[in-house]
Amino acid sequence: MPIDLYWDHNAWYQARILRALPADLGTVLDVGCGAGSFAVRLAARAQHVDAIDRAPHMIAAARERVPANVDARVEDMTTVRLPSAHYDAITSISAFHHVELTQVLPRLAEALRPGGLLVAVALPRTDLPRDLPVEAVSVAGDRLLGTAFRLEQVLTGRRRYAHEATVRQMPMQDPVLTTRQVREQAGRVLPDVRVRRLPFWRYELRWQRPLTPRS
């Protein structure tokens, strides 16, 4: 039987998003929250978290684990009515490749208060040969870290970045946009947006709403 070296890349990038956010937050929106694992971590930094996902069974799982300052509810990011200039931050992990970015990003941008931050990690379609270096790093790093996490489990009984039991229940969709195409589409609707390819088959999109409107 092969040794299980698989680990959760989404969980790996939770810490990256948290580092991008201010230490103290008022209200945060977590888009595509799934079973709520990241909403729980956001709740420790924010006064209130709105956690939304369009899959009712994922929201049911989230409600079983989130603390009292998290409102987990069934909503579709493409149609949900969001308050204007309300959120200090909006986060998303592995949800943006499920939607049309030019439709969703303006809605989320309007919901951010001036100075608020949008940070998302999602899956890109591989862009060869441009992505060959990061693909090589991803494959090698995935096996190396998987081996390290498996060894740690053998020695300590603890498995970091283990997949949650709900992973097989999550809606799956293959990405259709490369990182370059994401950058092009996002740039049409969010001036000065930053999009970069990351290892482990993810990209990061980061944008801060200007403090003053552009003239």
C-alpha atoms as a PDB file:
ATOM      1  CA  MET A   1       0.000   0.000   0.000  1.00  0.00           C
ATOM      2  CA  PRO A   2       1.478   3.409  -0.964  1.00  0.00           C
ATOM      3  CA  ILE A   3       2.270   5.832   1.846  1.00  0.00           C
ATOM      4  CA  ASP A   4      -0.188   8.732   2.079  1.00  0.00           C
ATOM      5  CA  LEU A   5       1.796  11.892   1.329  1.00  0.00           C
ATOM      6  CA  TYR A   6      -1.177  14.060   0.362  1.00  0.00           C
ATOM      7  CA  TRP A   7      -1.730  17.268   2.308  1.00  0.00           C
ATOM      8  CA  ASP A   8      -4.042  20.278   2.135  1.00  0.00           C
ATOM      9  CA  HIS A   9      -2.616  23.097   0.022  1.00  0.00           C
ATOM     10  CA  ASN A  10      -5.533  25.357   0.946  1.00  0.00           C
ATOM     11  CA  ALA A  11      -4.715  25.013   4.636  1.00  0.00           C
ATOM     12  CA  TRP A  12      -1.068  25.848   3.848  1.00  0.00           C
ATOM     13  CA  TYR A  13      -2.090  29.211   2.392  1.00  0.00           C
ATOM     14  CA  GLN A  14      -4.309  30.248   5.282  1.00  0.00           C
ATOM     15  CA  ALA A  15      -1.267  31.578   7.133  1.00  0.00           C
ATOM     16  CA  ARG A  16      -0.200  33.623   4.107  1.00  0.00           C
ATOM     17  CA  ILE A  17      -3.546  35.387   3.964  1.00  0.00           C
ATOM     18  CA  LEU A  18      -3.539  36.034   7.705  1.00  0.00           C
ATOM     19  CA  ARG A  19      -0.089  37.655   7.436  1.00  0.00           C
ATOM     20  CA  ALA A  20      -1.454  40.028   4.782  1.00  0.00           C
ATOM     21  CA  LEU A  21      -4.269  41.244   7.035  1.00  0.00           C
ATOM     22  CA  PRO A  22      -4.047  43.844   9.835  1.00  0.00           C
ATOM     23  CA  ALA A  23      -3.695  42.477  13.359  1.00  0.00           C
ATOM     24  CA  ASP A  24      -7.053  43.865  14.461  1.00  0.00           C
ATOM     25  CA  LEU A  25     -10.058  43.774  12.189  1.00  0.00           C
ATOM     26  CA  GLY A  26     -13.623  44.927  12.521  1.00  0.00           C
ATOM     27  CA  THR A  27     -15.766  43.052  10.016  1.00  0.00           C
ATOM     28  CA  VAL A  28     -14.479  40.491   7.503  1.00  0.00           C
ATOM     29  CA  LEU A  29     -16.177  38.633   4.664  1.00  0.00           C
ATOM     30  CA  ASP A  30     -14.923  35.124   3.860  1.00  0.00           C
ATOM     31  CA  VAL A  31     -16.142  34.111   0.400  1.00  0.00           C
ATOM     32  CA  GLY A  32     -16.520  30.426  -0.407  1.00  0.00           C
ATOM     33  CA  CYS A  33     -15.894  29.501   3.222  1.00  0.00           C
ATOM     34  CA  GLY A  34     -16.443  25.762   2.806  1.00  0.00           C
ATOM     35  CA  ALA A  35     -16.531  23.954   6.141  1.00  0.00           C
ATOM     36  CA  GLY A  36     -15.375  27.084   7.957  1.00  0.00           C
ATOM     37  CA  SER A  37     -11.806  26.251   8.969  1.00  0.00           C
ATOM     38  CA  PHE A  38     -10.443  29.616   7.829  1.00  0.00           C
ATOM     39  CA  ALA A  39     -13.437  31.516   9.208  1.00  0.00           C
ATOM     40  CA  VAL A  40     -12.513  30.120  12.631  1.00  0.00           C
ATOM     41  CA  ARG A  41      -9.018  31.590  12.314  1.00  0.00           C
ATOM     42  CA  LEU A  42     -10.379  34.909  11.053  1.00  0.00           C
ATOM     43  CA  ALA A  43     -12.731  35.051  14.048  1.00  0.00           C
ATOM     44  CA  ALA A  44      -9.727  35.225  16.367  1.00  0.00           C
ATOM     45  CA  ARG A  45      -8.590  38.422  14.632  1.00  0.00           C
ATOM     46  CA  ALA A  46     -11.899  40.101  13.796  1.00  0.00           C
ATOM     47  CA  GLN A  47     -14.875  41.400  15.715  1.00  0.00           C
ATOM     48  CA  HIS A  48     -17.247  39.776  13.225  1.00  0.00           C
ATOM     49  CA  VAL A  49     -16.942  37.433  10.229  1.00  0.00           C
ATOM     50  CA  ASP A  50     -19.543  36.885   7.538  1.00  0.00           C
ATOM     51  CA  ALA A  51     -18.773  33.460   6.053  1.00  0.00           C
ATOM     52  CA  ILE A  52     -20.662  32.587   2.873  1.00  0.00           C
ATOM     53  CA  ASP A  53     -20.762  29.570   0.594  1.00  0.00           C
ATOM     54  CA  ARG A  54     -23.290  28.516  -2.026  1.00  0.00           C
ATOM     55  CA  ALA A  55     -23.262  24.853  -0.918  1.00  0.00           C
ATOM     56  CA  PRO A  56     -25.791  24.245   1.886  1.00  0.00           C
ATOM     57  CA  HIS A  57     -24.012  21.118   3.147  1.00  0.00           C
ATOM     58  CA  MET A  58     -20.756  23.059   3.570  1.00  0.00           C
ATOM     59  CA  ILE A  59     -22.496  25.817   5.537  1.00  0.00           C
ATOM     60  CA  ALA A  60     -24.101  23.138   7.727  1.00  0.00           C
ATOM     61  CA  ALA A  61     -20.612  21.809   8.486  1.00  0.00           C
ATOM     62  CA  ALA A  62     -19.284  25.326   9.123  1.00  0.00           C
ATOM     63  CA  ARG A  63     -22.041  26.142  11.595  1.00  0.00           C
ATOM     64  CA  GLU A  64     -20.994  23.194  13.733  1.00  0.00           C
ATOM     65  CA  ARG A  65     -17.528  24.652  14.320  1.00  0.00           C
ATOM     66  CA  VAL A  66     -17.507  28.444  14.026  1.00  0.00           C
ATOM     67  CA  PRO A  67     -17.626  30.673  17.153  1.00  0.00           C
ATOM     68  CA  ALA A  68     -20.394  33.110  17.980  1.00  0.00           C
ATOM     69  CA  ASN A  69     -18.842  36.036  16.097  1.00  0.00           C
ATOM     70  CA  VAL A  70     -19.139  34.199  12.761  1.00  0.00           C
ATOM     71  CA  ASP A  71     -22.342  34.348  10.724  1.00  0.00           C
ATOM     72  CA  ALA A  72     -22.182  31.365   8.345  1.00  0.00           C
ATOM     73  CA  ARG A  73     -24.886  31.398   5.703  1.00  0.00           C
ATOM     74  CA  VAL A  74     -25.773  30.023   2.300  1.00  0.00           C
ATOM     75  CA  GLU A  75     -25.085  32.718  -0.291  1.00  0.00           C
ATOM     76  CA  ASP A  76     -23.735  32.833  -3.835  1.00  0.00           C
ATOM     77  CA  MET A  77     -20.994  35.440  -4.280  1.00  0.00           C
ATOM     78  CA  THR A  78     -22.315  36.239  -7.747  1.00  0.00           C
ATOM     79  CA  THR A  79     -25.742  37.298  -6.461  1.00  0.00           C
ATOM     80  CA  VAL A  80     -25.445  38.046  -2.715  1.00  0.00           C
ATOM     81  CA  ARG A  81     -26.427  41.580  -1.703  1.00  0.00           C
ATOM     82  CA  LEU A  82     -23.485  43.113   0.138  1.00  0.00           C
ATOM     83  CA  PRO A  83     -23.435  46.377   2.089  1.00  0.00           C
ATOM     84  CA  SER A  84     -21.429  49.142   0.461  1.00  0.00           C
ATOM     85  CA  ALA A  85     -18.069  50.166   1.988  1.00  0.00           C
ATOM     86  CA  HIS A  86     -18.615  47.813   4.918  1.00  0.00           C
ATOM     87  CA  TYR A  87     -15.798  45.279   5.242  1.00  0.00           C
ATOM     88  CA  ASP A  88     -12.275  45.832   6.526  1.00  0.00           C
ATOM     89  CA  ALA A  89     -11.156  42.780   4.564  1.00  0.00           C
ATOM     90  CA  ILE A  90     -12.537  40.194   2.164  1.00  0.00           C
ATOM     91  CA  THR A  91     -10.836  36.802   1.895  1.00  0.00           C
ATOM     92  CA  SER A  92     -11.326  33.741  -0.273  1.00  0.00           C
ATOM     93  CA  ILE A  93      -9.570  30.398  -0.617  1.00  0.00           C
ATOM     94  CA  SER A  94     -10.081  28.238  -3.714  1.00  0.00           C
ATOM     95  CA  ALA A  95     -13.352  29.809  -4.815  1.00  0.00           C
ATOM     96  CA  PHE A  96     -12.507  32.423  -7.462  1.00  0.00           C
ATOM     97  CA  HIS A  97     -11.865  29.834 -10.179  1.00  0.00           C
ATOM     98  CA  HIS A  98     -15.553  28.857  -9.873  1.00  0.00           C
ATOM     99  CA  VAL A  99     -16.842  32.257 -11.014  1.00  0.00           C
ATOM    100  CA  GLU A 100     -16.560  34.950 -13.682  1.00  0.00           C
ATOM    101  CA  LEU A 101     -14.044  37.375 -12.173  1.00  0.00           C
ATOM    102  CA  THR A 102     -15.198  40.461 -14.044  1.00  0.00           C
ATOM    103  CA  GLN A 103     -18.655  39.876 -12.598  1.00  0.00           C
ATOM    104  CA  VAL A 104     -17.628  39.187  -9.000  1.00  0.00           C
ATOM    105  CA  LEU A 105     -14.646  41.460  -8.353  1.00  0.00           C
ATOM    106  CA  PRO A 106     -16.492  44.793  -8.754  1.00  0.00           C
ATOM    107  CA  ARG A 107     -19.155  43.598  -6.295  1.00  0.00           C
ATOM    108  CA  LEU A 108     -16.542  42.675  -3.704  1.00  0.00           C
ATOM    109  CA  ALA A 109     -14.586  45.875  -4.279  1.00  0.00           C
ATOM    110  CA  GLU A 110     -17.695  47.967  -3.611  1.00  0.00           C
ATOM    111  CA  ALA A 111     -18.256  46.096  -0.344  1.00  0.00           C
ATOM    112  CA  LEU A 112     -14.792  47.033   0.973  1.00  0.00           C
ATOM    113  CA  ARG A 113     -14.415  50.167   3.035  1.00  0.00           C
ATOM    114  CA  PRO A 114     -11.770  52.655   1.763  1.00  0.00           C
ATOM    115  CA  GLY A 115      -8.406  51.153   2.673  1.00  0.00           C
ATOM    116  CA  GLY A 116      -9.934  47.683   2.980  1.00  0.00           C
ATOM    117  CA  LEU A 117      -8.054  44.685   1.604  1.00  0.00           C
ATOM    118  CA  LEU A 118      -9.147  41.888  -0.720  1.00  0.00           C
ATOM    119  CA  VAL A 119      -6.910  38.800  -0.545  1.00  0.00           C
ATOM    120  CA  ALA A 120      -7.738  35.587  -2.369  1.00  0.00           C
ATOM    121  CA  VAL A 121      -5.973  32.367  -3.284  1.00  0.00           C
ATOM    122  CA  ALA A 122      -7.393  30.198  -6.069  1.00  0.00           C
ATOM    123  CA  LEU A 123      -6.415  27.640  -8.686  1.00  0.00           C
ATOM    124  CA  PRO A 124      -4.960  28.659 -12.071  1.00  0.00           C
ATOM    125  CA  ARG A 125      -4.849  26.672 -15.269  1.00  0.00           C
ATOM    126  CA  THR A 126      -1.251  25.704 -15.991  1.00  0.00           C
ATOM    127  CA  ASP A 127       0.382  27.974 -18.539  1.00  0.00           C
ATOM    128  CA  LEU A 128       3.155  26.055 -20.290  1.00  0.00           C
ATOM    129  CA  PRO A 129       5.995  26.642 -20.885  1.00  0.00           C
ATOM    130  CA  ARG A 130       5.760  29.812 -18.777  1.00  0.00           C
ATOM    131  CA  ASP A 131       4.852  27.886 -15.623  1.00  0.00           C
ATOM    132  CA  LEU A 132       7.475  25.148 -15.932  1.00  0.00           C
ATOM    133  CA  PRO A 133       9.736  26.472 -13.123  1.00  0.00           C
ATOM    134  CA  VAL A 134       6.926  26.845 -10.586  1.00  0.00           C
ATOM    135  CA  GLU A 135       5.451  23.502 -11.647  1.00  0.00           C
ATOM    136  CA  ALA A 136       8.779  21.793 -10.985  1.00  0.00           C
ATOM    137  CA  VAL A 137       9.063  23.456  -7.581  1.00  0.00           C
ATOM    138  CA  SER A 138       5.471  22.480  -6.785  1.00  0.00           C
ATOM    139  CA  VAL A 139       5.919  18.818  -7.625  1.00  0.00           C
ATOM    140  CA  ALA A 140       9.184  18.478  -5.714  1.00  0.00           C
ATOM    141  CA  GLY A 141       7.995  20.552  -2.758  1.00  0.00           C
ATOM    142  CA  ASP A 142       4.688  18.730  -2.554  1.00  0.00           C
ATOM    143  CA  ARG A 143       6.399  15.370  -2.122  1.00  0.00           C
ATOM    144  CA  LEU A 144       9.066  16.727   0.205  1.00  0.00           C
ATOM    145  CA  LEU A 145       6.625  18.435   2.545  1.00  0.00           C
ATOM    146  CA  GLY A 146       4.206  15.513   2.336  1.00  0.00           C
ATOM    147  CA  THR A 147       6.998  13.217   3.494  1.00  0.00           C
ATOM    148  CA  ALA A 148       7.903  15.601   6.332  1.00  0.00           C
ATOM    149  CA  PHE A 149       4.301  15.886   7.528  1.00  0.00           C
ATOM    150  CA  ARG A 150       3.868  12.098   7.348  1.00  0.00           C
ATOM    151  CA  LEU A 151       7.063  11.542   9.348  1.00  0.00           C
ATOM    152  CA  GLU A 152       5.908  14.068  11.922  1.00  0.00           C
ATOM    153  CA  GLN A 153       2.667  12.142  12.261  1.00  0.00           C
ATOM    154  CA  VAL A 154       4.550   8.893  12.867  1.00  0.00           C
ATOM    155  CA  LEU A 155       6.734  10.522  15.517  1.00  0.00           C
ATOM    156  CA  THR A 156       4.187  12.723  17.275  1.00  0.00           C
ATOM    157  CA  GLY A 157       0.747  11.509  16.239  1.00  0.00           C
ATOM    158  CA  ARG A 158      -0.034  14.955  14.827  1.00  0.00           C
ATOM    159  CA  ARG A 159      -0.609  15.500  11.111  1.00  0.00           C
ATOM    160  CA  ARG A 160      -0.252  19.094   9.976  1.00  0.00           C
ATOM    161  CA  TYR A 161      -2.206  20.218   6.925  1.00  0.00           C
ATOM    162  CA  ALA A 162      -4.254  17.041   6.871  1.00  0.00           C
ATOM    163  CA  HIS A 163      -7.314  17.111   4.647  1.00  0.00           C
ATOM    164  CA  GLU A 164     -10.557  17.585   6.538  1.00  0.00           C
ATOM    165  CA  ALA A 165     -13.201  14.884   6.444  1.00  0.00           C
ATOM    166  CA  THR A 166     -15.401  17.208   4.364  1.00  0.00           C
ATOM    167  CA  VAL A 167     -12.897  17.536   1.508  1.00  0.00           C
ATOM    168  CA  ARG A 168     -14.706  14.982  -0.678  1.00  0.00           C
ATOM    169  CA  GLN A 169     -17.974  16.862  -0.214  1.00  0.00           C
ATOM    170  CA  MET A 170     -16.594  20.165  -1.512  1.00  0.00           C
ATOM    171  CA  PRO A 171     -17.760  21.300  -4.964  1.00  0.00           C
ATOM    172  CA  MET A 172     -14.881  20.873  -7.410  1.00  0.00           C
ATOM    173  CA  GLN A 173     -14.189  22.668 -10.675  1.00  0.00           C
ATOM    174  CA  ASP A 174     -11.149  22.737 -12.928  1.00  0.00           C
ATOM    175  CA  PRO A 175      -9.718  26.222 -13.496  1.00  0.00           C
ATOM    176  CA  VAL A 176     -10.123  27.741 -16.945  1.00  0.00           C
ATOM    177  CA  LEU A 177      -7.877  30.806 -16.580  1.00  0.00           C
ATOM    178  CA  THR A 178      -4.098  30.932 -16.365  1.00  0.00           C
ATOM    179  CA  THR A 179      -2.498  33.302 -13.885  1.00  0.00           C
ATOM    180  CA  ARG A 180      -1.740  35.646 -16.767  1.00  0.00           C
ATOM    181  CA  GLN A 181      -5.404  35.651 -17.815  1.00  0.00           C
ATOM    182  CA  VAL A 182      -6.520  36.233 -14.220  1.00  0.00           C
ATOM    183  CA  ARG A 183      -4.186  39.224 -14.055  1.00  0.00           C
ATOM    184  CA  GLU A 184      -5.601  40.609 -17.315  1.00  0.00           C
ATOM    185  CA  GLN A 185      -9.248  40.170 -16.298  1.00  0.00           C
ATOM    186  CA  ALA A 186      -8.794  41.455 -12.754  1.00  0.00           C
ATOM    187  CA  GLY A 187      -6.835  44.450 -14.018  1.00  0.00           C
ATOM    188  CA  ARG A 188      -9.791  45.566 -16.118  1.00  0.00           C
ATOM    189  CA  VAL A 189     -11.970  46.103 -13.038  1.00  0.00           C
ATOM    190  CA  LEU A 190      -9.495  46.618 -10.165  1.00  0.00           C
ATOM    191  CA  PRO A 191      -6.805  49.237 -10.832  1.00  0.00           C
ATOM    192  CA  ASP A 192      -3.413  48.306  -9.353  1.00  0.00           C
ATOM    193  CA  VAL A 193      -4.488  44.762  -8.495  1.00  0.00           C
ATOM    194  CA  ARG A 194      -1.610  42.360  -7.851  1.00  0.00           C
ATOM    195  CA  VAL A 195      -1.825  38.790  -9.113  1.00  0.00           C
ATOM    196  CA  ARG A 196       1.044  36.342  -8.744  1.00  0.00           C
ATOM    197  CA  ARG A 197       1.516  32.630  -9.302  1.00  0.00           C
ATOM    198  CA  LEU A 198       2.322  30.604  -6.187  1.00  0.00           C
ATOM    199  CA  PRO A 199       3.672  27.088  -5.701  1.00  0.00           C
ATOM    200  CA  PHE A 200       1.308  24.184  -5.082  1.00  0.00           C
ATOM    201  CA  TRP A 201      -1.049  25.081  -7.924  1.00  0.00           C
ATOM    202  CA  ARG A 202      -2.425  28.351  -6.636  1.00  0.00           C
ATOM    203  CA  TYR A 203      -2.370  32.036  -7.489  1.00  0.00           C
ATOM    204  CA  GLU A 204      -2.841  34.997  -5.164  1.00  0.00           C
ATOM    205  CA  LEU A 205      -4.944  38.060  -5.948  1.00  0.00           C
ATOM    206  CA  ARG A 206      -4.472  41.077  -3.693  1.00  0.00           C
ATOM    207  CA  TRP A 207      -6.097  44.506  -3.938  1.00  0.00           C
ATOM    208  CA  GLN A 208      -6.562  47.416  -1.546  1.00  0.00           C
ATOM    209  CA  ARG A 209      -9.411  49.831  -2.075  1.00  0.00           C
ATOM    210  CA  PRO A 210      -8.028  53.375  -2.378  1.00  0.00           C
ATOM    211  CA  LEU A 211      -8.645  55.716   0.538  1.00  0.00           C
ATOM    212  CA  THR A 212      -9.873  58.395  -1.843  1.00  0.00           C
ATOM    213  CA  PRO A 213     -11.740  57.938  -5.139  1.00  0.00           C
ATOM    214  CA  ARG A 214      -9.722  58.298  -8.320  1.00  0.00           C
ATOM    215  CA  SER A 215     -10.324  61.606 -10.058  1.00  0.00           C
END
